[in-house]
Amino acid sequence: MRLTMQSDFAFRTLVYLAAKPLEIASVKQVADAYGISANHLSKIAQKLQRAGFLQSVRGAQGGMRLARPAEQIMLGDVIRCMESATPLVECFNMPTNTCPIVSACGLKRILHDAYEAFAAHLDQFTVADAVGKPALVSRLLSPTTLRRPSRAEPQ
């Protein structure tokens, strides 16, 4: 199974915010910390906010923070939220399905059950579990620690 970038970035955002629970972070700060697109992350943050995982803080020092403690955000809920719009296989979306054997095939049920088992496994863990070592994660994500090689530098 492969997660979408949307889910990956959602998890990264939640981990970032959980590692720095007293801070309010901008989308740009989180995007810069991970070297990802702020524009793309902004859309993901909006989805996380609509789902009740993030809270938006307005104003000059505004940004985002977790809407509830990291110990109360289940990873299974996050994956269901982020992956709900992306069918696992074509036959999960009947309006666009072109598979001629969909009415007789057992694969759809098997894949659905596998996805549910995957999400159920994630239900055993919270965002706090995903952070691991909060102090170390926070330090690794701080602007002074981050130094990405420029395109001109050899890697």
C-alpha atoms as a PDB file:
ATOM      1  CA  MET A   1       0.000   0.000   0.000  1.00  0.00           C
ATOM      2  CA  ARG A   2       1.218   3.475  -0.776  1.00  0.00           C
ATOM      3  CA  LEU A   3      -0.029   6.656   0.849  1.00  0.00           C
ATOM      4  CA  THR A   4      -0.620   9.824  -1.096  1.00  0.00           C
ATOM      5  CA  MET A   5       1.703  12.791  -0.617  1.00  0.00           C
ATOM      6  CA  GLN A   6      -1.314  14.496   0.928  1.00  0.00           C
ATOM      7  CA  SER A   7      -1.365  11.950   3.775  1.00  0.00           C
ATOM      8  CA  ASP A   8       2.415  12.073   4.177  1.00  0.00           C
ATOM      9  CA  PHE A   9       2.379  15.871   4.432  1.00  0.00           C
ATOM     10  CA  ALA A  10      -0.604  15.778   6.801  1.00  0.00           C
ATOM     11  CA  PHE A  11       1.278  13.450   9.144  1.00  0.00           C
ATOM     12  CA  ARG A  12       4.387  15.625   8.928  1.00  0.00           C
ATOM     13  CA  THR A  13       2.362  18.725   9.778  1.00  0.00           C
ATOM     14  CA  LEU A  14       0.749  17.072  12.788  1.00  0.00           C
ATOM     15  CA  VAL A  15       4.109  15.762  14.020  1.00  0.00           C
ATOM     16  CA  TYR A  16       5.660  19.226  13.642  1.00  0.00           C
ATOM     17  CA  LEU A  17       2.885  20.854  15.649  1.00  0.00           C
ATOM     18  CA  ALA A  18       2.878  18.109  18.288  1.00  0.00           C
ATOM     19  CA  ALA A  19       6.634  18.471  18.772  1.00  0.00           C
ATOM     20  CA  LYS A  20       6.173  22.207  19.401  1.00  0.00           C
ATOM     21  CA  PRO A  21       2.882  22.285  21.329  1.00  0.00           C
ATOM     22  CA  LEU A  22       3.360  25.753  22.814  1.00  0.00           C
ATOM     23  CA  GLU A  23       4.047  27.378  19.455  1.00  0.00           C
ATOM     24  CA  ILE A  24       1.813  28.590  16.678  1.00  0.00           C
ATOM     25  CA  ALA A  25       3.360  27.737  13.321  1.00  0.00           C
ATOM     26  CA  SER A  26       2.708  29.139   9.886  1.00  0.00           C
ATOM     27  CA  VAL A  27       2.259  26.922   6.865  1.00  0.00           C
ATOM     28  CA  LYS A  28       5.491  28.415   5.527  1.00  0.00           C
ATOM     29  CA  GLN A  29       7.413  27.418   8.664  1.00  0.00           C
ATOM     30  CA  VAL A  30       6.223  23.825   8.421  1.00  0.00           C
ATOM     31  CA  ALA A  31       6.817  23.691   4.665  1.00  0.00           C
ATOM     32  CA  ASP A  32      10.328  25.116   5.052  1.00  0.00           C
ATOM     33  CA  ALA A  33      11.140  22.650   7.831  1.00  0.00           C
ATOM     34  CA  TYR A  34      10.344  19.719   5.556  1.00  0.00           C
ATOM     35  CA  GLY A  35      11.400  21.276   2.244  1.00  0.00           C
ATOM     36  CA  ILE A  36       7.928  20.926   0.727  1.00  0.00           C
ATOM     37  CA  SER A  37       5.570  23.224  -1.173  1.00  0.00           C
ATOM     38  CA  ALA A  38       3.827  25.782   1.050  1.00  0.00           C
ATOM     39  CA  ASN A  39       1.028  26.083  -1.510  1.00  0.00           C
ATOM     40  CA  HIS A  40       0.366  22.336  -1.416  1.00  0.00           C
ATOM     41  CA  LEU A  41       0.669  22.239   2.378  1.00  0.00           C
ATOM     42  CA  SER A  42      -1.821  25.101   2.714  1.00  0.00           C
ATOM     43  CA  LYS A  43      -4.537  22.993   1.060  1.00  0.00           C
ATOM     44  CA  ILE A  44      -3.706  20.060   3.331  1.00  0.00           C
ATOM     45  CA  ALA A  45      -3.808  22.294   6.420  1.00  0.00           C
ATOM     46  CA  GLN A  46      -7.261  23.522   5.397  1.00  0.00           C
ATOM     47  CA  LYS A  47      -8.472  19.941   5.105  1.00  0.00           C
ATOM     48  CA  LEU A  48      -6.986  19.087   8.512  1.00  0.00           C
ATOM     49  CA  GLN A  49      -8.687  22.147   9.973  1.00  0.00           C
ATOM     50  CA  ARG A  50     -12.090  21.241   8.488  1.00  0.00           C
ATOM     51  CA  ALA A  51     -11.698  17.747   9.969  1.00  0.00           C
ATOM     52  CA  GLY A  52     -10.995  19.170  13.431  1.00  0.00           C
ATOM     53  CA  PHE A  53      -7.318  18.217  13.710  1.00  0.00           C
ATOM     54  CA  LEU A  54      -5.932  21.759  13.384  1.00  0.00           C
ATOM     55  CA  GLN A  55      -7.001  25.120  14.681  1.00  0.00           C
ATOM     56  CA  SER A  56      -6.336  28.305  12.752  1.00  0.00           C
ATOM     57  CA  VAL A  57      -5.090  31.341  14.669  1.00  0.00           C
ATOM     58  CA  ARG A  58      -5.672  34.704  13.020  1.00  0.00           C
ATOM     59  CA  GLY A  59      -3.613  37.850  13.340  1.00  0.00           C
ATOM     60  CA  ALA A  60      -0.087  39.074  12.777  1.00  0.00           C
ATOM     61  CA  GLN A  61       1.362  36.225  14.811  1.00  0.00           C
ATOM     62  CA  GLY A  62      -1.217  33.775  13.509  1.00  0.00           C
ATOM     63  CA  GLY A  63      -0.802  30.364  12.057  1.00  0.00           C
ATOM     64  CA  MET A  64      -1.941  26.936  13.130  1.00  0.00           C
ATOM     65  CA  ARG A  65      -1.771  24.585  16.081  1.00  0.00           C
ATOM     66  CA  LEU A  66      -3.290  21.267  17.027  1.00  0.00           C
ATOM     67  CA  ALA A  67      -7.000  21.553  17.775  1.00  0.00           C
ATOM     68  CA  ARG A  68      -6.662  19.063  20.636  1.00  0.00           C
ATOM     69  CA  PRO A  69      -3.804  17.298  22.417  1.00  0.00           C
ATOM     70  CA  ALA A  70      -1.650  15.036  20.240  1.00  0.00           C
ATOM     71  CA  GLU A  71      -2.595  12.122  22.506  1.00  0.00           C
ATOM     72  CA  GLN A  72      -6.211  12.520  21.348  1.00  0.00           C
ATOM     73  CA  ILE A  73      -5.574  12.497  17.578  1.00  0.00           C
ATOM     74  CA  MET A  74      -5.664   8.953  16.232  1.00  0.00           C
ATOM     75  CA  LEU A  75      -3.565   8.213  13.144  1.00  0.00           C
ATOM     76  CA  GLY A  76      -6.371   6.053  11.731  1.00  0.00           C
ATOM     77  CA  ASP A  77      -8.733   9.034  11.763  1.00  0.00           C
ATOM     78  CA  VAL A  78      -6.144  11.146   9.952  1.00  0.00           C
ATOM     79  CA  ILE A  79      -5.579   8.536   7.231  1.00  0.00           C
ATOM     80  CA  ARG A  80      -9.314   8.087   6.679  1.00  0.00           C
ATOM     81  CA  CYS A  81      -9.694  11.840   6.333  1.00  0.00           C
ATOM     82  CA  MET A  82      -6.810  12.312   3.942  1.00  0.00           C
ATOM     83  CA  GLU A  83      -7.335   9.221   1.784  1.00  0.00           C
ATOM     84  CA  SER A  84     -11.143   9.378   1.552  1.00  0.00           C
ATOM     85  CA  ALA A  85     -11.130  11.219  -1.770  1.00  0.00           C
ATOM     86  CA  THR A  86      -8.606   8.871  -3.390  1.00  0.00           C
ATOM     87  CA  PRO A  87     -10.029   5.465  -4.305  1.00  0.00           C
ATOM     88  CA  LEU A  88      -7.639   2.599  -3.640  1.00  0.00           C
ATOM     89  CA  VAL A  89      -8.482   1.058  -7.012  1.00  0.00           C
ATOM     90  CA  GLU A  90     -10.648   2.144  -9.931  1.00  0.00           C
ATOM     91  CA  CYS A  91     -13.612  -0.058  -9.012  1.00  0.00           C
ATOM     92  CA  PHE A  92     -14.044   1.793  -5.700  1.00  0.00           C
ATOM     93  CA  ASN A  93     -15.395   4.714  -7.740  1.00  0.00           C
ATOM     94  CA  MET A  94     -18.384   3.307  -9.610  1.00  0.00           C
ATOM     95  CA  PRO A  95     -19.145   6.450 -11.688  1.00  0.00           C
ATOM     96  CA  THR A  96     -15.717   6.260 -13.353  1.00  0.00           C
ATOM     97  CA  ASN A  97     -15.158   2.500 -13.183  1.00  0.00           C
ATOM     98  CA  THR A  98     -14.366   0.810 -16.510  1.00  0.00           C
ATOM     99  CA  CYS A  99     -13.548  -2.685 -15.249  1.00  0.00           C
ATOM    100  CA  PRO A 100     -15.823  -5.174 -17.033  1.00  0.00           C
ATOM    101  CA  ILE A 101     -15.765  -7.775 -14.242  1.00  0.00           C
ATOM    102  CA  VAL A 102     -16.592  -5.538 -11.275  1.00  0.00           C
ATOM    103  CA  SER A 103     -19.936  -7.240 -10.623  1.00  0.00           C
ATOM    104  CA  ALA A 104     -18.313 -10.688 -10.310  1.00  0.00           C
ATOM    105  CA  CYS A 105     -14.865  -9.851  -8.919  1.00  0.00           C
ATOM    106  CA  GLY A 106     -13.940 -10.497  -5.292  1.00  0.00           C
ATOM    107  CA  LEU A 107     -10.851  -8.270  -5.318  1.00  0.00           C
ATOM    108  CA  LYS A 108     -12.778  -5.118  -4.380  1.00  0.00           C
ATOM    109  CA  ARG A 109     -13.950  -6.640  -1.074  1.00  0.00           C
ATOM    110  CA  ILE A 110     -10.479  -8.016  -0.302  1.00  0.00           C
ATOM    111  CA  LEU A 111      -8.802  -4.662  -0.925  1.00  0.00           C
ATOM    112  CA  HIS A 112     -11.455  -2.813   1.049  1.00  0.00           C
ATOM    113  CA  ASP A 113     -10.924  -5.164   4.002  1.00  0.00           C
ATOM    114  CA  ALA A 114      -7.138  -4.712   3.743  1.00  0.00           C
ATOM    115  CA  TYR A 115      -7.512  -0.916   3.790  1.00  0.00           C
ATOM    116  CA  GLU A 116      -9.806  -1.111   6.817  1.00  0.00           C
ATOM    117  CA  ALA A 117      -7.308  -3.377   8.597  1.00  0.00           C
ATOM    118  CA  PHE A 118      -4.546  -0.864   7.835  1.00  0.00           C
ATOM    119  CA  ALA A 119      -6.619   2.030   9.202  1.00  0.00           C
ATOM    120  CA  ALA A 120      -7.620  -0.061  12.235  1.00  0.00           C
ATOM    121  CA  HIS A 121      -3.940  -0.714  12.948  1.00  0.00           C
ATOM    122  CA  LEU A 122      -3.288   3.038  12.824  1.00  0.00           C
ATOM    123  CA  ASP A 123      -6.187   3.511  15.274  1.00  0.00           C
ATOM    124  CA  GLN A 124      -3.881   2.036  17.917  1.00  0.00           C
ATOM    125  CA  PHE A 125      -1.543   5.032  17.666  1.00  0.00           C
ATOM    126  CA  THR A 126      -1.804   8.757  18.206  1.00  0.00           C
ATOM    127  CA  VAL A 127       0.072  11.730  16.814  1.00  0.00           C
ATOM    128  CA  ALA A 128       1.945  11.801  20.135  1.00  0.00           C
ATOM    129  CA  ASP A 129       3.172   8.264  19.418  1.00  0.00           C
ATOM    130  CA  ALA A 130       4.305   9.366  15.954  1.00  0.00           C
ATOM    131  CA  VAL A 131       6.411  12.191  17.362  1.00  0.00           C
ATOM    132  CA  GLY A 132       8.637   9.725  19.174  1.00  0.00           C
ATOM    133  CA  LYS A 133      11.169  11.993  20.888  1.00  0.00           C
ATOM    134  CA  PRO A 134       9.521  15.453  20.932  1.00  0.00           C
ATOM    135  CA  ALA A 135      12.590  17.405  22.070  1.00  0.00           C
ATOM    136  CA  LEU A 136      14.766  15.854  19.376  1.00  0.00           C
ATOM    137  CA  VAL A 137      12.114  16.269  16.662  1.00  0.00           C
ATOM    138  CA  SER A 138      11.613  19.896  17.681  1.00  0.00           C
ATOM    139  CA  ARG A 139      15.365  20.534  17.555  1.00  0.00           C
ATOM    140  CA  LEU A 140      15.714  18.814  14.168  1.00  0.00           C
ATOM    141  CA  LEU A 141      12.882  20.938  12.758  1.00  0.00           C
ATOM    142  CA  SER A 142      14.164  24.266  14.087  1.00  0.00           C
ATOM    143  CA  PRO A 143      15.378  26.797  11.501  1.00  0.00           C
ATOM    144  CA  THR A 144      18.867  26.890  13.035  1.00  0.00           C
ATOM    145  CA  THR A 145      19.269  23.120  12.687  1.00  0.00           C
ATOM    146  CA  LEU A 146      17.913  22.907   9.161  1.00  0.00           C
ATOM    147  CA  ARG A 147      20.434  23.382   6.431  1.00  0.00           C
ATOM    148  CA  ARG A 148      19.582  21.959   3.091  1.00  0.00           C
ATOM    149  CA  PRO A 149      22.274  21.877   0.412  1.00  0.00           C
ATOM    150  CA  SER A 150      21.666  24.288  -2.435  1.00  0.00           C
ATOM    151  CA  ARG A 151      21.271  22.906  -5.929  1.00  0.00           C
ATOM    152  CA  ALA A 152      24.831  23.998  -6.727  1.00  0.00           C
ATOM    153  CA  GLU A 153      26.350  22.084  -3.787  1.00  0.00           C
ATOM    154  CA  PRO A 154      27.358  18.448  -4.294  1.00  0.00           C
ATOM    155  CA  GLN A 155      25.371  16.029  -2.182  1.00  0.00           C
END
